[in-house]
C-alpha atoms as a PDB file:
ATOM      1  CA  MET A   1       4.155  28.653   4.189  1.00  0.00           C
ATOM      2  CA  ALA A   2       2.790  25.643   2.888  1.00  0.00           C
ATOM      3  CA  GLU A   3       4.004  22.909   1.112  1.00  0.00           C
ATOM      4  CA  ALA A   4       4.065  22.734  -2.524  1.00  0.00           C
ATOM      5  CA  VAL A   5       2.857  19.662  -4.107  1.00  0.00           C
ATOM      6  CA  ARG A   6       5.232  18.158  -6.238  1.00  0.00           C
ATOM      7  CA  THR A   7       3.024  16.533  -9.338  1.00  0.00           C
ATOM      8  CA  ALA A   8       0.829  18.309 -11.344  1.00  0.00           C
ATOM      9  CA  THR A   9      -2.908  18.198 -11.031  1.00  0.00           C
ATOM     10  CA  VAL A  10      -3.889  15.435 -12.560  1.00  0.00           C
ATOM     11  CA  ARG A  11      -7.682  14.904 -13.640  1.00  0.00           C
ATOM     12  CA  ALA A  12      -9.640  12.330 -12.095  1.00  0.00           C
ATOM     13  CA  ASP A  13     -10.895   9.283 -14.506  1.00  0.00           C
ATOM     14  CA  PRO A  14     -15.121   9.964 -15.201  1.00  0.00           C
ATOM     15  CA  ARG A  15     -15.204   6.514 -14.447  1.00  0.00           C
ATOM     16  CA  LEU A  16     -14.213   7.347 -10.513  1.00  0.00           C
ATOM     17  CA  ALA A  17     -17.391   8.832  -9.731  1.00  0.00           C
ATOM     18  CA  SER A  18     -20.355   6.733  -9.324  1.00  0.00           C
ATOM     19  CA  LEU A  19     -17.360   4.938  -7.093  1.00  0.00           C
ATOM     20  CA  LYS A  20     -17.498   5.829  -3.368  1.00  0.00           C
ATOM     21  CA  ARG A  21     -13.504   5.148  -2.858  1.00  0.00           C
ATOM     22  CA  LEU A  22     -10.786   5.552  -0.528  1.00  0.00           C
ATOM     23  CA  ALA A  23      -7.194   6.250   0.634  1.00  0.00           C
ATOM     24  CA  ILE A  24      -5.398   4.398   3.547  1.00  0.00           C
ATOM     25  CA  VAL A  25      -2.479   6.157   4.001  1.00  0.00           C
ATOM     26  CA  PRO A  26      -0.097   4.802   6.623  1.00  0.00           C
ATOM     27  CA  ALA A  27       1.929   6.315   8.878  1.00  0.00           C
ATOM     28  CA  LEU A  28       4.184   6.307  12.081  1.00  0.00           C
ATOM     29  CA  ASN A  29       6.679   9.627  12.730  1.00  0.00           C
ATOM     30  CA  GLU A  30       5.755  11.176   9.339  1.00  0.00           C
ATOM     31  CA  GLN A  31       4.808  14.574  10.484  1.00  0.00           C
ATOM     32  CA  GLY A  32       7.429  16.322   7.836  1.00  0.00           C
ATOM     33  CA  GLY A  33       5.940  15.145   5.035  1.00  0.00           C
ATOM     34  CA  ILE A  34       1.969  13.542   5.510  1.00  0.00           C
ATOM     35  CA  GLY A  35       0.341  16.942   4.536  1.00  0.00           C
ATOM     36  CA  LEU A  36       2.287  16.971   1.018  1.00  0.00           C
ATOM     37  CA  VAL A  37       1.041  13.682   0.949  1.00  0.00           C
ATOM     38  CA  ILE A  38      -2.940  14.495   1.758  1.00  0.00           C
ATOM     39  CA  ASP A  39      -2.634  17.425  -0.457  1.00  0.00           C
ATOM     40  CA  GLU A  40      -1.137  14.874  -3.297  1.00  0.00           C
ATOM     41  CA  ILE A  41      -3.824  12.818  -2.524  1.00  0.00           C
ATOM     42  CA  ARG A  42      -6.643  15.208  -3.392  1.00  0.00           C
ATOM     43  CA  ALA A  43      -4.741  16.836  -6.319  1.00  0.00           C
ATOM     44  CA  PHE A  44      -5.684  13.707  -8.162  1.00  0.00           C
ATOM     45  CA  ASP A  45      -8.772  13.418  -7.485  1.00  0.00           C
ATOM     46  CA  PRO A  46     -10.091  15.787  -4.742  1.00  0.00           C
ATOM     47  CA  ASP A  47     -13.066  13.684  -3.661  1.00  0.00           C
ATOM     48  CA  LEU A  48     -11.181  10.588  -2.651  1.00  0.00           C
ATOM     49  CA  GLU A  49     -11.447  10.050   0.712  1.00  0.00           C
ATOM     50  CA  ILE A  50      -8.330  10.063   2.767  1.00  0.00           C
ATOM     51  CA  VAL A  51      -7.764   7.870   6.070  1.00  0.00           C
ATOM     52  CA  VAL A  52      -4.245   8.773   7.673  1.00  0.00           C
ATOM     53  CA  VAL A  53      -3.966   5.115  10.358  1.00  0.00           C
ATOM     54  CA  ASP A  54      -0.877   6.727  12.284  1.00  0.00           C
ATOM     55  CA  ASP A  55       0.526   3.655  13.892  1.00  0.00           C
ATOM     56  CA  GLY A  56       1.898   5.356  17.675  1.00  0.00           C
ATOM     57  CA  SER A  57       3.476   7.896  16.225  1.00  0.00           C
ATOM     58  CA  ARG A  58       6.168   9.840  18.961  1.00  0.00           C
ATOM     59  CA  ASP A  59       5.763  13.075  16.776  1.00  0.00           C
ATOM     60  CA  ARG A  60       2.102  15.352  15.038  1.00  0.00           C
ATOM     61  CA  THR A  61       1.648  13.458  12.175  1.00  0.00           C
ATOM     62  CA  ALA A  62      -1.926  12.859  13.655  1.00  0.00           C
ATOM     63  CA  GLU A  63      -1.869  16.571  14.415  1.00  0.00           C
ATOM     64  CA  VAL A  64      -0.692  17.455  10.736  1.00  0.00           C
ATOM     65  CA  ALA A  65      -3.326  14.941   9.009  1.00  0.00           C
ATOM     66  CA  ALA A  66      -6.361  16.770  11.024  1.00  0.00           C
ATOM     67  CA  GLU A  67      -4.954  19.839   9.951  1.00  0.00           C
ATOM     68  CA  ARG A  68      -5.890  18.969   6.601  1.00  0.00           C
ATOM     69  CA  SER A  69      -9.300  17.533   7.389  1.00  0.00           C
ATOM     70  CA  ALA A  70      -8.205  13.926   6.693  1.00  0.00           C
ATOM     71  CA  HIS A  71      -9.820  11.338   8.282  1.00  0.00           C
ATOM     72  CA  VAL A  72      -7.159   9.867  11.476  1.00  0.00           C
ATOM     73  CA  LEU A  73      -7.351   6.661  13.287  1.00  0.00           C
ATOM     74  CA  ARG A  74      -4.827   6.802  16.276  1.00  0.00           C
ATOM     75  CA  LEU A  75      -3.517   3.441  16.908  1.00  0.00           C
ATOM     76  CA  PRO A  76      -3.168   3.358  20.874  1.00  0.00           C
ATOM     77  CA  PHE A  77       0.267   1.594  20.740  1.00  0.00           C
ATOM     78  CA  ASN A  78       2.902   0.779  17.666  1.00  0.00           C
ATOM     79  CA  LEU A  79       1.360  -2.584  15.590  1.00  0.00           C
ATOM     80  CA  GLY A  80       3.616  -2.711  12.411  1.00  0.00           C
ATOM     81  CA  ILE A  81       2.948  -1.934   8.569  1.00  0.00           C
ATOM     82  CA  GLY A  82       0.336  -4.628   9.024  1.00  0.00           C
ATOM     83  CA  GLY A  83      -1.227  -3.822  11.919  1.00  0.00           C
ATOM     84  CA  ALA A  84      -1.648  -0.304  10.421  1.00  0.00           C
ATOM     85  CA  VAL A  85      -2.975  -1.483   6.803  1.00  0.00           C
ATOM     86  CA  GLN A  86      -5.506  -3.887   8.536  1.00  0.00           C
ATOM     87  CA  THR A  87      -7.092  -1.245  10.672  1.00  0.00           C
ATOM     88  CA  GLY A  88      -7.458   0.741   7.607  1.00  0.00           C
ATOM     89  CA  PHE A  89      -8.884  -1.550   5.824  1.00  0.00           C
ATOM     90  CA  ARG A  90     -11.719  -2.540   8.096  1.00  0.00           C
ATOM     91  CA  TYR A  91     -12.231   0.892   8.403  1.00  0.00           C
ATOM     92  CA  ALA A  92     -12.934   0.419   4.378  1.00  0.00           C
ATOM     93  CA  PHE A  93     -14.861  -2.261   4.494  1.00  0.00           C
ATOM     94  CA  GLU A  94     -17.126  -1.275   7.712  1.00  0.00           C
ATOM     95  CA  ASN A  95     -17.835   1.841   6.189  1.00  0.00           C
ATOM     96  CA  GLY A  96     -18.759   0.311   2.655  1.00  0.00           C
ATOM     97  CA  PHE A  97     -15.650   1.956   0.595  1.00  0.00           C
ATOM     98  CA  GLU A  98     -15.841   0.166  -3.337  1.00  0.00           C
ATOM     99  CA  LEU A  99     -12.581   0.917  -3.998  1.00  0.00           C
ATOM    100  CA  VAL A 100      -9.199   1.863  -2.002  1.00  0.00           C
ATOM    101  CA  VAL A 101      -5.798   3.321  -3.111  1.00  0.00           C
ATOM    102  CA  ARG A 102      -3.243   2.975  -0.723  1.00  0.00           C
ATOM    103  CA  VAL A 103      -0.253   5.122  -0.163  1.00  0.00           C
ATOM    104  CA  ASP A 104       3.072   5.573   2.602  1.00  0.00           C
ATOM    105  CA  GLY A 105       2.718   7.975   4.253  1.00  0.00           C
ATOM    106  CA  ASP A 106       6.458   9.022   3.721  1.00  0.00           C
ATOM    107  CA  GLY A 107       6.045  10.443   0.333  1.00  0.00           C
ATOM    108  CA  GLN A 108       7.673   7.745  -1.680  1.00  0.00           C
ATOM    109  CA  HIS A 109       4.564   6.798  -3.792  1.00  0.00           C
ATOM    110  CA  ASP A 110       3.826  10.169  -6.101  1.00  0.00           C
ATOM    111  CA  PRO A 111      -0.011  10.102  -5.555  1.00  0.00           C
ATOM    112  CA  SER A 112       0.525  11.121  -9.267  1.00  0.00           C
ATOM    113  CA  GLN A 113       0.590   7.642 -10.757  1.00  0.00           C
ATOM    114  CA  LEU A 114      -2.554   6.366  -9.229  1.00  0.00           C
ATOM    115  CA  GLY A 115      -4.265   6.493 -13.063  1.00  0.00           C
ATOM    116  CA  ALA A 116      -1.681   3.782 -13.874  1.00  0.00           C
ATOM    117  CA  LEU A 117      -3.090   1.528 -10.718  1.00  0.00           C
ATOM    118  CA  LEU A 118      -7.032   2.266 -11.356  1.00  0.00           C
ATOM    119  CA  GLU A 119      -6.860   1.534 -14.865  1.00  0.00           C
ATOM    120  CA  PRO A 120      -7.130  -2.368 -14.736  1.00  0.00           C
ATOM    121  CA  LEU A 121      -9.157  -1.944 -11.384  1.00  0.00           C
ATOM    122  CA  LEU A 122     -12.214   0.649 -13.511  1.00  0.00           C
ATOM    123  CA  ALA A 123     -12.047  -2.052 -16.517  1.00  0.00           C
ATOM    124  CA  GLY A 124     -12.724  -5.607 -14.373  1.00  0.00           C
ATOM    125  CA  GLU A 125      -9.255  -6.671 -15.220  1.00  0.00           C
ATOM    126  CA  ALA A 126      -8.187  -7.449 -11.534  1.00  0.00           C
ATOM    127  CA  ASP A 127      -9.090  -7.232  -7.974  1.00  0.00           C
ATOM    128  CA  ILE A 128      -5.617  -6.199  -6.631  1.00  0.00           C
ATOM    129  CA  VAL A 129      -3.452  -3.911  -8.157  1.00  0.00           C
ATOM    130  CA  VAL A 130       0.714  -3.297  -7.165  1.00  0.00           C
ATOM    131  CA  GLY A 131       2.347  -0.612  -8.543  1.00  0.00           C
ATOM    132  CA  SER A 132       5.793  -2.278  -9.121  1.00  0.00           C
ATOM    133  CA  ARG A 133       9.001  -0.262  -8.963  1.00  0.00           C
ATOM    134  CA  PHE A 134      10.679  -3.142 -11.352  1.00  0.00           C
ATOM    135  CA  ALA A 135       8.161  -3.984 -13.668  1.00  0.00           C
ATOM    136  CA  GLY A 136       9.789  -1.251 -16.313  1.00  0.00           C
ATOM    137  CA  LEU A 137       9.959   1.884 -15.762  1.00  0.00           C
ATOM    138  CA  ALA A 138      14.074   3.457 -15.290  1.00  0.00           C
ATOM    139  CA  GLY A 139      14.742   5.979 -12.404  1.00  0.00           C
ATOM    140  CA  TYR A 140      14.384   4.109  -9.078  1.00  0.00           C
ATOM    141  CA  ARG A 141      17.825   3.177  -7.786  1.00  0.00           C
ATOM    142  CA  SER A 142      17.892   1.273  -5.002  1.00  0.00           C
ATOM    143  CA  THR A 143      21.383  -0.199  -2.535  1.00  0.00           C
ATOM    144  CA  ARG A 144      22.292  -3.466  -4.435  1.00  0.00           C
ATOM    145  CA  SER A 145      21.783  -5.256  -0.748  1.00  0.00           C
ATOM    146  CA  ARG A 146      18.207  -4.733  -1.616  1.00  0.00           C
ATOM    147  CA  HIS A 147      18.030  -4.815  -5.295  1.00  0.00           C
ATOM    148  CA  VAL A 148      19.598  -8.476  -4.595  1.00  0.00           C
ATOM    149  CA  ALA A 149      17.065  -9.173  -2.387  1.00  0.00           C
ATOM    150  CA  ASN A 150      13.782  -7.974  -3.951  1.00  0.00           C
ATOM    151  CA  ARG A 151      15.521 -10.078  -6.847  1.00  0.00           C
ATOM    152  CA  ILE A 152      15.346 -13.659  -4.322  1.00  0.00           C
ATOM    153  CA  PHE A 153      11.698 -11.936  -2.875  1.00  0.00           C
ATOM    154  CA  ALA A 154      10.444 -12.109  -6.427  1.00  0.00           C
ATOM    155  CA  GLY A 155      11.704 -14.988  -7.695  1.00  0.00           C
ATOM    156  CA  ALA A 156       9.693 -17.330  -4.162  1.00  0.00           C
ATOM    157  CA  ALA A 157       7.265 -15.154  -4.693  1.00  0.00           C
ATOM    158  CA  SER A 158       6.487 -16.612  -7.993  1.00  0.00           C
ATOM    159  CA  LEU A 159       7.035 -19.654  -8.099  1.00  0.00           C
ATOM    160  CA  VAL A 160       5.141 -20.454  -5.137  1.00  0.00           C
ATOM    161  CA  THR A 161       2.145 -18.293  -6.639  1.00  0.00           C
ATOM    162  CA  GLY A 162       2.810 -19.489 -10.127  1.00  0.00           C
ATOM    163  CA  GLN A 163       2.694 -15.785 -11.204  1.00  0.00           C
ATOM    164  CA  ARG A 164       5.041 -13.852 -12.056  1.00  0.00           C
ATOM    165  CA  VAL A 165       5.981 -10.719  -9.395  1.00  0.00           C
ATOM    166  CA  THR A 166       8.326  -8.896  -9.879  1.00  0.00           C
ATOM    167  CA  ASP A 167       7.483  -6.036  -6.737  1.00  0.00           C
ATOM    168  CA  PRO A 168       6.261  -8.562  -3.981  1.00  0.00           C
ATOM    169  CA  SER A 169       6.896  -5.896  -1.520  1.00  0.00           C
ATOM    170  CA  SER A 170       4.910  -2.959  -2.869  1.00  0.00           C
ATOM    171  CA  GLY A 171       2.719  -0.992  -0.556  1.00  0.00           C
ATOM    172  CA  PHE A 172       1.372   1.672  -3.655  1.00  0.00           C
ATOM    173  CA  GLN A 173      -1.818  -0.910  -4.447  1.00  0.00           C
ATOM    174  CA  ALA A 174      -5.377  -0.113  -5.822  1.00  0.00           C
ATOM    175  CA  LEU A 175      -8.181  -2.645  -4.706  1.00  0.00           C
ATOM    176  CA  ASN A 176     -11.898  -3.494  -5.518  1.00  0.00           C
ATOM    177  CA  ARG A 177     -14.532  -4.664  -2.847  1.00  0.00           C
ATOM    178  CA  ARG A 178     -13.352  -8.293  -3.168  1.00  0.00           C
ATOM    179  CA  ALA A 179      -9.966  -7.551  -1.982  1.00  0.00           C
ATOM    180  CA  ILE A 180     -11.408  -4.805   1.034  1.00  0.00           C
ATOM    181  CA  ALA A 181     -13.046  -8.072   1.906  1.00  0.00           C
ATOM    182  CA  LEU A 182      -9.885 -10.656   1.987  1.00  0.00           C
ATOM    183  CA  PHE A 183      -7.627  -8.228   3.820  1.00  0.00           C
ATOM    184  CA  ALA A 184     -10.179  -6.463   6.216  1.00  0.00           C
ATOM    185  CA  ALA A 185     -10.698 -10.058   7.429  1.00  0.00           C
ATOM    186  CA  ASP A 186      -7.195 -11.059   7.468  1.00  0.00           C
ATOM    187  CA  TYR A 187      -3.980  -9.568   6.580  1.00  0.00           C
ATOM    188  CA  PRO A 188      -0.008 -10.755   7.707  1.00  0.00           C
ATOM    189  CA  HIS A 189       1.286  -8.198  10.019  1.00  0.00           C
ATOM    190  CA  GLU A 190       4.667  -9.054  10.544  1.00  0.00           C
ATOM    191  CA  PHE A 191       5.864  -8.625   6.751  1.00  0.00           C
ATOM    192  CA  PRO A 192       2.814  -7.787   4.717  1.00  0.00           C
ATOM    193  CA  GLU A 193       3.086  -7.154   1.225  1.00  0.00           C
ATOM    194  CA  VAL A 194       5.295 -10.630   0.695  1.00  0.00           C
ATOM    195  CA  GLU A 195       2.764 -12.562   2.367  1.00  0.00           C
ATOM    196  CA  ALA A 196      -0.238 -10.969   1.020  1.00  0.00           C
ATOM    197  CA  THR A 197       1.004 -11.859  -2.049  1.00  0.00           C
ATOM    198  CA  VAL A 198       0.571 -15.851  -1.557  1.00  0.00           C
ATOM    199  CA  MET A 199      -3.119 -14.921   0.171  1.00  0.00           C
ATOM    200  CA  VAL A 200      -4.373 -13.792  -3.128  1.00  0.00           C
ATOM    201  CA  ALA A 201      -2.960 -16.050  -5.557  1.00  0.00           C
ATOM    202  CA  LYS A 202      -4.501 -18.756  -2.791  1.00  0.00           C
ATOM    203  CA  HIS A 203      -7.579 -16.978  -2.465  1.00  0.00           C
ATOM    204  CA  GLN A 204      -7.686 -16.558  -6.895  1.00  0.00           C
ATOM    205  CA  LEU A 205      -8.079 -12.619  -6.705  1.00  0.00           C
ATOM    206  CA  ARG A 206      -6.650 -11.554  -9.706  1.00  0.00           C
ATOM    207  CA  ARG A 207      -2.916  -9.554  -9.229  1.00  0.00           C
ATOM    208  CA  VAL A 208      -1.674  -6.900 -11.887  1.00  0.00           C
ATOM    209  CA  GLU A 209       1.669  -5.219 -11.636  1.00  0.00           C
ATOM    210  CA  VAL A 210       1.693  -1.774 -12.990  1.00  0.00           C
ATOM    211  CA  PRO A 211       5.788  -0.007 -13.633  1.00  0.00           C
ATOM    212  CA  VAL A 212       5.403   2.744 -11.466  1.00  0.00           C
ATOM    213  CA  VAL A 213       8.742   5.148 -10.119  1.00  0.00           C
ATOM    214  CA  MET A 214       9.727   5.690  -6.389  1.00  0.00           C
ATOM    215  CA  ARG A 215      10.144   8.314  -5.043  1.00  0.00           C
ATOM    216  CA  GLU A 216      12.571   9.641  -2.029  1.00  0.00           C
ATOM    217  CA  ARG A 217      11.231  10.836   1.320  1.00  0.00           C
ATOM    218  CA  VAL A 218       9.621  13.767   1.760  1.00  0.00           C
ATOM    219  CA  ALA A 219      11.586  13.653   5.245  1.00  0.00           C
ATOM    220  CA  GLY A 220      11.645  10.717   8.370  1.00  0.00           C
ATOM    221  CA  ARG A 221      14.632   8.087   7.607  1.00  0.00           C
ATOM    222  CA  SER A 222      13.024   4.049   6.849  1.00  0.00           C
ATOM    223  CA  SER A 223      13.200   1.870  10.380  1.00  0.00           C
ATOM    224  CA  ILE A 224      15.440  -0.820   9.007  1.00  0.00           C
ATOM    225  CA  SER A 225      18.443  -0.631   9.611  1.00  0.00           C
ATOM    226  CA  PHE A 226      21.837  -3.084   8.593  1.00  0.00           C
ATOM    227  CA  VAL A 227      21.034  -6.212  10.770  1.00  0.00           C
ATOM    228  CA  ARG A 228      17.380  -5.626   9.857  1.00  0.00           C
ATOM    229  CA  SER A 229      17.363  -5.885   6.635  1.00  0.00           C
ATOM    230  CA  VAL A 230      19.279  -9.907   7.034  1.00  0.00           C
ATOM    231  CA  TYR A 231      17.023 -10.675   9.674  1.00  0.00           C
ATOM    232  CA  PHE A 232      13.798  -8.634   7.376  1.00  0.00           C
ATOM    233  CA  MET A 233      15.233 -11.094   4.282  1.00  0.00           C
ATOM    234  CA  SER A 234      15.718 -14.423   6.096  1.00  0.00           C
ATOM    235  CA  LYS A 235      11.741 -13.907   7.924  1.00  0.00           C
ATOM    236  CA  VAL A 236      10.390 -12.999   4.095  1.00  0.00           C
ATOM    237  CA  LEU A 237      11.550 -16.369   2.853  1.00  0.00           C
ATOM    238  CA  LEU A 238      10.078 -18.077   5.685  1.00  0.00           C
ATOM    239  CA  ALA A 239       6.411 -15.671   5.327  1.00  0.00           C
ATOM    240  CA  LEU A 240       6.230 -16.774   1.735  1.00  0.00           C
ATOM    241  CA  PHE A 241       6.462 -20.501   2.447  1.00  0.00           C
ATOM    242  CA  VAL A 242       4.066 -20.318   5.324  1.00  0.00           C
ATOM    243  CA  GLY A 243       1.827 -18.038   3.697  1.00  0.00           C
ATOM    244  CA  LEU A 244       0.854 -21.365   1.153  1.00  0.00           C
ATOM    245  CA  PHE A 245      -0.308 -23.129   4.748  1.00  0.00           C
ATOM    246  CA  ARG A 246      -2.031 -20.059   5.875  1.00  0.00           C
ATOM    247  CA  ARG A 247      -6.098 -20.807   6.810  1.00  0.00           C
ATOM    248  CA  THR A 248      -8.181 -19.909   4.005  1.00  0.00           C
ATOM    249  CA  VAL A 249     -10.556 -17.023   4.882  1.00  0.00           C
ATOM    250  CA  VAL A 250     -13.596 -16.357   3.314  1.00  0.00           C
ATOM    251  CA  PRO A 251     -14.005 -12.564   2.218  1.00  0.00           C
ATOM    252  CA  MET A 252     -16.622 -10.171   4.561  1.00  0.00           C
ATOM    253  CA  GLU A 253     -18.368 -10.019   1.464  1.00  0.00           C
ATOM    254  CA  ASP A 254     -19.306 -13.758   0.023  1.00  0.00           C
ATOM    255  CA  ARG A 255     -19.955 -14.854   3.604  1.00  0.00           C
END
């Protein structure tokens, strides 16, 4: 029996009809939930093309995605989230997509909220829109250590970029062609979302946050242990400041 879609069908904005658009879904060992993620994206917008970037999964993630008629890019080994996401952006750029949404394959992002992410893009007010767990809506619960870590990351990112950042590690995003071109050319690999926040500011792209509610994982488990959390926290802070000295890459679209 097929899994039930967890969100009600939402009518996509008619302004999307003229745009070539893509959903990038990075996934690692998500066979238990990837099918439902694809179904929910299609419930939001049946015409949204979907590419699942299988980052070296050892289970049936790629097969389940293909059975749902998603286009699957299978990486030969695990590159990490940054490598998987950049693969999706390169695919989007090289195939002429004008708008991209990014939805993680673990089911924590709710595709019914994509309308909120897309509105600033469609209104011409942003180049990248980030769904923030901490921008006003209640409902997201995290451990105390993660909450403290996010406060530190957000404060550091705000200081470095000169913009208010509440959720620098969110991968729930919508991007226009200019942002697609930037990230297809150059994208951080180890702690991508945080360092990419600095990249966006350096290239004077307009970044907007909108409040969203995250959900529990559909299946599987997080790969971040306590030891890795401590390591992650120290490396992210370093990555934020190293990002200030990254070379300035001219987006492909501007060359």
